[in-house]
Amino acid sequence: MTTQTITKWEQASALFGALVWAVLTGMAGMRKAPLGVIELLFLFASLVIVPVGLALGRMVLPLNDPTVQFWLSRLQPAAAICTVISFWLAPGWMSGIFAIPWLLFCGVIALAGALTLRRPTSRSLVTWAVNIGRIDLAVAGGWLAMSRLGMRPLGIQEPIGLLTAVHFHYTGFAAALLAGTLLAHTRSKKRQDTILKFVVPLVMATPFVVAAGFVYSTTLKMAAALVLSASIVALAMVQLWASRSLSARVSRIYIGLSAMSVVVGMVLASVYAIGDWLKQDWLLIPRMASTHGLLNGLGFSLLALLGWTIERSLSSTQT
């Protein structure tokens, strides 16, 4: 099976996932599904963001083993549907069992990315960004499994555990992948990437620091959240600037809308981080999920991923 065929499969999977998610959202709105905003944000990541991201990642930096590529593309929809079933059940062993397929799926992706980084020839920042994004999925899958099993590692209560899984899908996997894609684009056009040399490492590293802040220090959490917000906004602005050279008009529109979404979303994230540090309830978690979460997930992540996927698909057909 060719890379192009696998990419088409992933795009079809994302479309199917979007339809499933729309049905679930409607059912949740009518109170016929046990899903809140945070659960829907996670399911949007597993059903839509991940297949689109895998398709884009394959265009930027393919996995070495075509057999792994094939089976990952085939198994993703089934693993994602298992997460839907998991959320239909109360936290516990049965719910955790249905979360395990997604953990295993994410673990294989992360292992493939980690093995790529072990090669002596894999020293470019693009390679690091794309594969760190893939590794982020293992962290996300692990937190999903613990959340659905009802575990409270280090005393962390819900919904923080599930939010960590959401965090590493969007601000981890998607953001790192977008950073690597943008860096690869600027280098292919022989443009200066001085800003990206500072922004991309921050985008890769600070999601882990934010997560550590929840365990060790509220000050660390606040500082890391502000740095992460600033680095994501900087990434979006460089994307917007670079989009002027894209050949597909729809890609330019998507990336422009993505940039506008993330500016508002990261302002909200900064307000929440400072308020939490000062012990002020300026923005509570439910409101953050329905504002920042939607802007970051459906706005910044999805639109930018779609924009770059369309652009790179057109470029590959023209060459």
Foldseek 3Di string as FASTA:
>chain_A
DDLVVLLVLLQVQQVVLVVVLVVQVVCVVVVNALDDLLLSLLLNLLRHLVSLLLNLLCLLPNQPDVVLSVVLSVCSSVLSVLQSVLRRDAAADVSLVSLVSQLVSLVSQLVSLVVLCPDPVQDDLLSVLQNLLSVLSNVLSVLSSCVSNVHQPLNNDPPVSSVLSSCSSQLNNLLSSLLSLLVSLCVVVVHDDVVSVVLNVLSSPLSVQLVVCVNPHLVSNLVSLLSSLVSSLVSLVSQLVSLVPFPDPLLNVLSVQLNVLSNVLSVVSNVVSVCVSVVHPPDDPSRNSVRSVCSRRVRNRNSNSVSSSVRSVVVVVVD
